Protein backbone atom coordinates (compact mmCIF):
# COMPACT_ATOMS: atom_id res chain seq x y z
CA MET A 1 14.74 -16.19 -11.35
CA GLU A 2 14.07 -15.82 -14.63
CA VAL A 3 11.55 -13.44 -16.11
CA VAL A 4 9.65 -15.23 -18.92
CA GLY A 5 7.15 -12.62 -20.40
CA VAL A 6 4.91 -9.96 -20.14
CA TYR A 7 1.31 -9.38 -20.56
CA SER A 8 -0.95 -6.06 -21.11
CA LYS A 9 -4.21 -5.48 -22.77
CA THR A 10 -2.36 -2.66 -24.96
CA LYS A 11 -0.67 -4.87 -27.53
CA GLU A 12 1.96 -2.03 -28.50
CA ASN A 13 2.92 -1.33 -24.86
CA ARG A 14 3.62 -5.31 -24.06
CA GLU A 15 5.68 -5.77 -27.16
CA ALA A 16 8.00 -2.38 -26.86
CA TYR A 17 8.32 -3.88 -23.29
CA ALA A 18 9.06 -7.02 -23.92
CA ARG A 19 11.50 -6.19 -27.15
CA LYS A 20 13.55 -3.93 -24.74
CA ARG A 21 13.95 -6.84 -22.03
CA GLU A 22 14.11 -9.67 -24.30
CA ILE A 23 10.84 -11.33 -23.01
CA LYS A 24 8.10 -12.70 -24.67
CA SER A 25 5.19 -10.84 -25.18
CA PHE A 26 1.97 -13.27 -24.32
CA ASN A 27 -1.35 -12.60 -26.33
CA SER A 28 -3.61 -13.26 -22.99
CA ILE A 29 -3.22 -13.59 -19.10
CA GLU A 30 -4.45 -17.02 -19.55
CA GLU A 31 -1.13 -17.65 -21.74
CA LEU A 32 1.05 -16.10 -19.47
CA LEU A 33 0.00 -17.86 -16.21
CA ASP A 34 0.48 -21.14 -18.05
CA ASN A 35 4.03 -20.47 -18.83
CA CYS A 36 5.05 -19.00 -15.41
CA ASP A 37 5.43 -20.21 -11.41
CA ALA A 38 4.68 -16.41 -10.38
CA VAL A 39 3.23 -13.38 -11.69
CA HIS A 40 3.36 -9.63 -10.75
CA ILE A 41 0.21 -8.02 -11.04
CA CYS A 42 1.00 -4.36 -11.77
CA THR A 43 -2.35 -3.70 -12.96
CA PRO A 44 -5.14 -0.94 -11.63
CA VAL A 45 -6.88 -2.22 -8.53
CA PHE A 46 -9.95 -2.89 -9.71
CA THR A 47 -8.54 -6.08 -11.68
CA HIS A 48 -6.31 -7.37 -8.33
CA GLU A 49 -8.81 -9.65 -7.36
CA MET A 50 -9.78 -10.98 -10.74
CA PHE A 51 -6.18 -11.92 -11.52
CA THR A 52 -5.38 -12.82 -8.38
CA VAL A 53 -7.78 -15.42 -8.18
CA MET A 54 -7.02 -16.78 -11.82
CA ALA A 55 -3.32 -17.09 -10.86
CA LEU A 56 -4.52 -19.01 -7.79
CA GLU A 57 -6.43 -21.09 -9.24
CA ARG A 58 -3.64 -22.30 -11.32
CA ASP A 59 -1.76 -22.94 -8.57
CA LYS A 60 0.38 -19.74 -9.62
CA TYR A 61 2.14 -17.36 -6.97
CA PRO A 62 0.28 -13.93 -7.60
CA ILE A 63 2.60 -11.00 -6.64
CA VAL A 64 -0.04 -8.20 -5.84
CA GLU A 65 0.66 -4.77 -6.09
CA LYS A 66 -0.76 -2.51 -3.23
CA PRO A 67 -3.53 -1.96 -2.72
CA LEU A 68 -4.65 -5.24 -2.63
CA THR A 69 -8.19 -4.99 -3.34
CA GLY A 70 -10.94 -2.72 -2.41
CA TYR A 71 -14.84 -1.55 -3.49
CA PHE A 72 -15.02 -0.11 -6.99
CA GLY A 73 -18.78 0.64 -7.47
CA ASN A 74 -22.09 -1.01 -8.44
CA ASP A 75 -21.44 -0.62 -12.17
CA SER A 76 -23.75 2.28 -12.31
CA GLY A 77 -22.88 5.02 -14.35
CA ASP A 78 -23.22 7.50 -11.59
CA PHE A 79 -21.30 5.82 -8.72
CA ARG A 80 -19.13 8.40 -6.86
CA GLY A 81 -16.98 6.89 -4.12
CA ASP A 82 -16.47 10.08 -2.17
CA THR A 83 -20.24 10.28 -1.58
CA ALA A 84 -21.10 6.24 -1.43
CA PRO A 85 -22.06 4.98 2.12
CA LYS A 86 -18.76 4.09 3.85
CA MET A 87 -20.36 1.07 5.57
CA GLU A 88 -20.90 -0.36 1.95
CA VAL A 89 -17.62 0.33 0.63
CA LEU A 90 -16.07 -1.26 3.58
CA ASP A 91 -18.55 -4.52 3.54
CA ASN A 92 -17.84 -4.76 -0.20
CA ALA A 93 -13.89 -4.59 0.28
CA LEU A 94 -14.16 -7.22 2.95
CA LYS A 95 -15.97 -9.36 0.63
CA SER A 96 -13.44 -8.74 -1.88
CA ILE A 97 -10.82 -10.27 0.51
CA ASP A 98 -12.76 -13.20 1.63
CA ARG A 99 -13.07 -14.17 -2.03
CA ILE A 100 -9.22 -13.81 -2.56
CA LEU A 101 -8.50 -15.83 0.56
CA GLU A 102 -10.73 -18.55 -0.17
CA ALA A 103 -8.99 -18.97 -3.51
CA GLU A 104 -5.67 -18.95 -1.60
CA ARG A 105 -7.14 -21.89 0.40
CA LYS A 106 -7.94 -23.62 -2.53
CA SER A 107 -4.56 -23.51 -4.08
CA LYS A 108 -1.41 -24.84 -3.76
CA ALA A 109 0.23 -21.18 -4.24
CA ARG A 110 0.06 -18.58 -1.67
CA ILE A 111 -0.61 -14.83 -2.14
CA LEU A 112 2.46 -12.57 -2.28
CA TYR A 113 1.75 -8.94 -1.44
CA ALA A 114 4.02 -6.44 -2.45
CA GLU A 115 4.61 -4.04 0.49
CA ASN A 116 8.20 -2.48 0.00
CA TRP A 117 8.17 -0.66 3.07
CA VAL A 118 8.65 -3.41 5.20
CA TYR A 119 11.87 -4.44 3.51
CA ALA A 120 13.51 -0.50 3.19
CA PRO A 121 16.84 -0.76 5.05
CA ALA A 122 15.88 1.84 7.64
CA ILE A 123 12.40 0.04 8.59
CA GLN A 124 14.69 -3.25 8.97
CA LYS A 125 17.40 -1.09 11.17
CA GLU A 126 14.63 -0.12 13.36
CA ARG A 127 13.37 -3.83 13.94
CA GLU A 128 16.84 -4.91 14.72
CA ILE A 129 16.93 -2.21 17.35
CA ILE A 130 13.68 -3.22 18.68
CA GLU A 131 14.82 -6.71 19.00
CA LYS A 132 18.19 -6.00 20.58
CA THR A 133 16.92 -3.35 23.30
CA GLY A 134 13.82 -4.89 23.95
CA ALA A 135 12.05 -1.31 23.13
CA GLN A 136 8.49 -0.45 23.68
CA ILE A 137 7.16 1.51 21.34
CA LEU A 138 4.67 4.38 22.53
CA TRP A 139 3.87 6.17 19.10
CA MET A 140 4.95 6.54 15.54
CA HIS A 141 3.95 8.94 13.03
CA GLY A 142 4.52 8.32 9.41
CA GLU A 143 3.63 9.91 5.75
CA GLU A 144 3.43 9.01 2.51
CA ALA A 145 3.15 12.02 -0.09
CA HIS A 146 3.75 13.39 -3.41
CA SER A 147 2.02 15.83 -6.01
CA GLY A 148 0.06 13.22 -7.64
CA SER A 149 -0.31 9.83 -9.50
CA HIS A 150 0.72 9.91 -13.29
CA ALA A 151 -1.73 7.06 -13.85
CA PRO A 152 -4.98 8.33 -15.37
CA THR A 153 -7.40 5.59 -13.71
CA TYR A 154 -6.13 6.87 -10.20
CA GLY A 155 -8.48 9.85 -10.35
CA TYR A 156 -11.34 7.27 -10.32
CA TRP A 157 -13.08 5.75 -7.48
CA LYS A 158 -14.10 2.94 -9.86
CA TYR A 159 -10.78 2.12 -10.89
CA SER A 160 -8.68 2.76 -8.10
CA GLY A 161 -10.97 1.97 -5.11
CA GLY A 162 -10.04 5.31 -3.30
CA GLY A 163 -7.40 7.76 -3.11
CA ALA A 164 -4.27 9.14 -1.24
CA MET A 165 -5.65 7.13 1.99
CA LEU A 166 -5.74 3.78 -0.03
CA GLY A 167 -3.20 4.17 -2.46
CA LYS A 168 -0.61 5.96 -0.15
CA GLY A 169 -1.15 5.69 3.40
CA CYS A 170 -0.93 1.64 3.16
CA HIS A 171 2.70 2.03 2.88
CA PRO A 172 3.47 4.02 6.32
CA LEU A 173 0.56 1.90 7.93
CA THR A 174 2.17 -1.20 6.84
CA ALA A 175 5.59 -0.08 8.35
CA ALA A 176 3.78 0.87 11.64
CA LEU A 177 1.90 -2.40 11.88
CA TYR A 178 4.96 -4.71 11.21
CA LEU A 179 6.82 -2.97 13.97
CA LYS A 180 4.22 -3.58 16.61
CA ARG A 181 4.47 -7.09 15.44
CA VAL A 182 7.86 -7.28 15.95
CA GLU A 183 8.08 -5.68 19.35
CA GLY A 184 4.98 -8.19 20.46
CA ARG A 185 7.10 -11.50 19.22
CA THR A 186 10.42 -10.01 20.67
CA ARG A 187 8.75 -10.10 24.20
CA GLY A 188 7.91 -13.71 23.64
CA LYS A 189 3.99 -13.05 22.97
CA ASP A 190 1.75 -12.69 20.17
CA PRO A 191 2.00 -9.83 17.67
CA ILE A 192 0.56 -6.21 18.84
CA LYS A 193 -2.49 -5.51 16.71
CA PRO A 194 -4.54 -2.46 16.18
CA GLN A 195 -7.31 -2.22 18.37
CA SER A 196 -9.19 0.99 16.77
CA VAL A 197 -9.01 3.04 13.84
CA SER A 198 -10.29 6.27 13.00
CA ALA A 199 -9.74 8.46 9.81
CA ARG A 200 -10.47 11.74 7.85
CA VAL A 201 -10.01 12.26 4.26
CA HIS A 202 -10.09 15.52 2.66
CA SER A 203 -10.20 16.97 -1.28
CA ILE A 204 -8.46 19.80 -1.27
CA THR A 205 -7.65 20.28 -4.81
CA ARG A 206 -11.32 19.95 -5.96
CA LEU A 207 -12.29 22.78 -3.50
CA GLU A 208 -13.73 26.06 -5.21
CA SER A 209 -10.95 28.02 -3.19
CA TYR A 210 -8.12 25.87 -4.72
CA ILE A 211 -5.49 27.73 -6.75
CA ASP A 212 -4.54 25.72 -9.22
CA ARG A 213 -0.67 26.87 -10.24
CA GLY A 214 -0.02 23.82 -12.79
CA HIS A 215 2.45 22.11 -10.28
CA ILE A 216 -0.06 19.49 -8.65
CA ARG A 217 -2.34 17.35 -10.23
CA ALA A 218 -6.03 18.55 -9.89
CA ASP A 219 -8.26 16.62 -12.16
CA TYR A 220 -9.30 13.70 -9.56
CA HIS A 221 -13.11 13.11 -10.50
CA ASP A 222 -14.11 11.37 -6.60
CA ILE A 223 -11.24 10.48 -4.96
CA ASP A 224 -9.50 11.80 -1.62
CA ASP A 225 -6.09 13.86 -2.01
CA PHE A 226 -5.37 14.03 1.60
CA SER A 227 -6.12 11.80 4.84
CA LEU A 228 -5.28 11.04 7.96
CA MET A 229 -5.50 7.69 10.36
CA HIS A 230 -5.08 7.57 13.87
CA VAL A 231 -4.52 3.86 15.28
CA GLN A 232 -4.56 2.79 18.85
CA PHE A 233 -2.96 -0.80 19.15
CA GLN A 234 -4.07 -3.40 21.64
CA ASP A 235 -1.56 -2.22 24.46
CA GLY A 236 -3.08 1.57 23.93
CA THR A 237 0.23 2.82 22.15
CA LEU A 238 -0.45 4.79 19.07
CA ALA A 239 0.29 5.47 15.34
CA ASP A 240 -0.64 8.42 13.17
CA ILE A 241 -0.47 8.20 9.43
CA PHE A 242 -0.53 10.56 6.99
CA ALA A 243 -1.12 10.50 3.09
CA SER A 244 -1.54 13.20 0.16
CA ASP A 245 -1.07 14.24 -3.24
CA ILE A 246 -0.43 17.90 -2.53
CA ILE A 247 3.23 17.65 -1.44
CA LEU A 248 5.77 19.01 -4.09
CA GLY A 249 9.44 18.13 -4.24
CA GLY A 250 9.10 14.57 -5.45
CA ILE A 251 8.30 11.56 -2.98
CA HIS A 252 8.23 12.35 0.62
CA ASN A 253 8.28 8.88 2.62
CA TRP A 254 9.08 8.67 6.23
CA LEU A 255 8.46 7.26 9.49
CA GLU A 256 9.30 8.55 13.06
CA VAL A 257 9.12 5.97 15.98
CA ALA A 258 9.05 7.11 19.54
CA ALA A 259 9.93 4.48 22.08
CA ASN A 260 10.75 4.19 25.71
CA ASN A 261 14.30 4.02 25.12
CA HIS A 262 15.21 5.57 21.48
CA ARG A 263 13.69 7.87 18.93
CA THR A 264 14.46 6.77 15.39
CA ILE A 265 13.29 8.92 12.22
CA CYS A 266 13.51 6.34 9.00
CA ASN A 267 13.52 8.71 6.11
CA ILE A 268 12.42 6.09 2.94
CA ASN A 269 12.66 9.28 0.66
CA PRO A 270 14.36 11.72 0.41
CA ASN A 271 16.99 9.20 1.69
CA THR A 272 19.03 10.63 4.68
CA THR A 273 18.66 6.80 5.15
CA MET A 274 18.07 6.94 8.98
CA GLN A 275 18.61 9.22 12.12
CA THR A 276 18.54 8.11 15.89
CA TYR A 277 18.86 9.34 19.39
CA ASN A 278 19.99 6.87 21.98
CA PRO A 279 20.22 8.02 25.50
CA VAL A 280 21.82 4.81 26.76
CA GLU A 281 25.43 3.93 25.63
CA GLU A 282 25.73 0.14 25.84
CA TYR A 283 22.60 0.24 23.32
């Protein structure tokens, strides 16, 4: 693979980035797309649909950072995501996904969603355990958390499409969905999919009672900084996913798997790599 160049709307940033890596600094996204086979979209979430569709229309492969897309408001100056009707948010987010998928159907290229948890060594090792032992996953619980994003746009729903649940919860959730998919296919059946999802979000650093010591980012405009999701799969098994911006000590990423023949703790960060309890010697 050859990295040919970079584009950013901020000229000095893209030129500094290109100079350090000895690649070309392109003056427009169109120029970049005309000179590559694939493009890595590392922009604020509200631009993901636009750039993804542009790439697909040119038969270029878009590698899209998480989250894929969302709903970013109605262009009114007083839009607030935290108070917007959530069915309106869901309906418009699904319409955005439909537009992206329609562009993919018309393209020779395909969407490449950049979800890195699926490829983490601990998650892949757990996949191997499930495949080799025929394990049934009964319950998973996981978390992604830290003390707040450094991106200034992250605090505004109109740019990020949401807060901790969308931007962080997507990681352990995807790992959980992936492992249930592996389980179903290991038995020669279809992937085991979610049947129902319930969720709660909170904005703890925006509480009047919050005491700011300066260690946790607390300038969010209208996004959540704490969330939890409860997922029930088609076979009745469960997953609980936490995400937050209120945890000190660096990135805190893990997924615990409780199966009918083993228990695994996948530590992505901090990295003790993996812990497994296995009561059956021949495994």
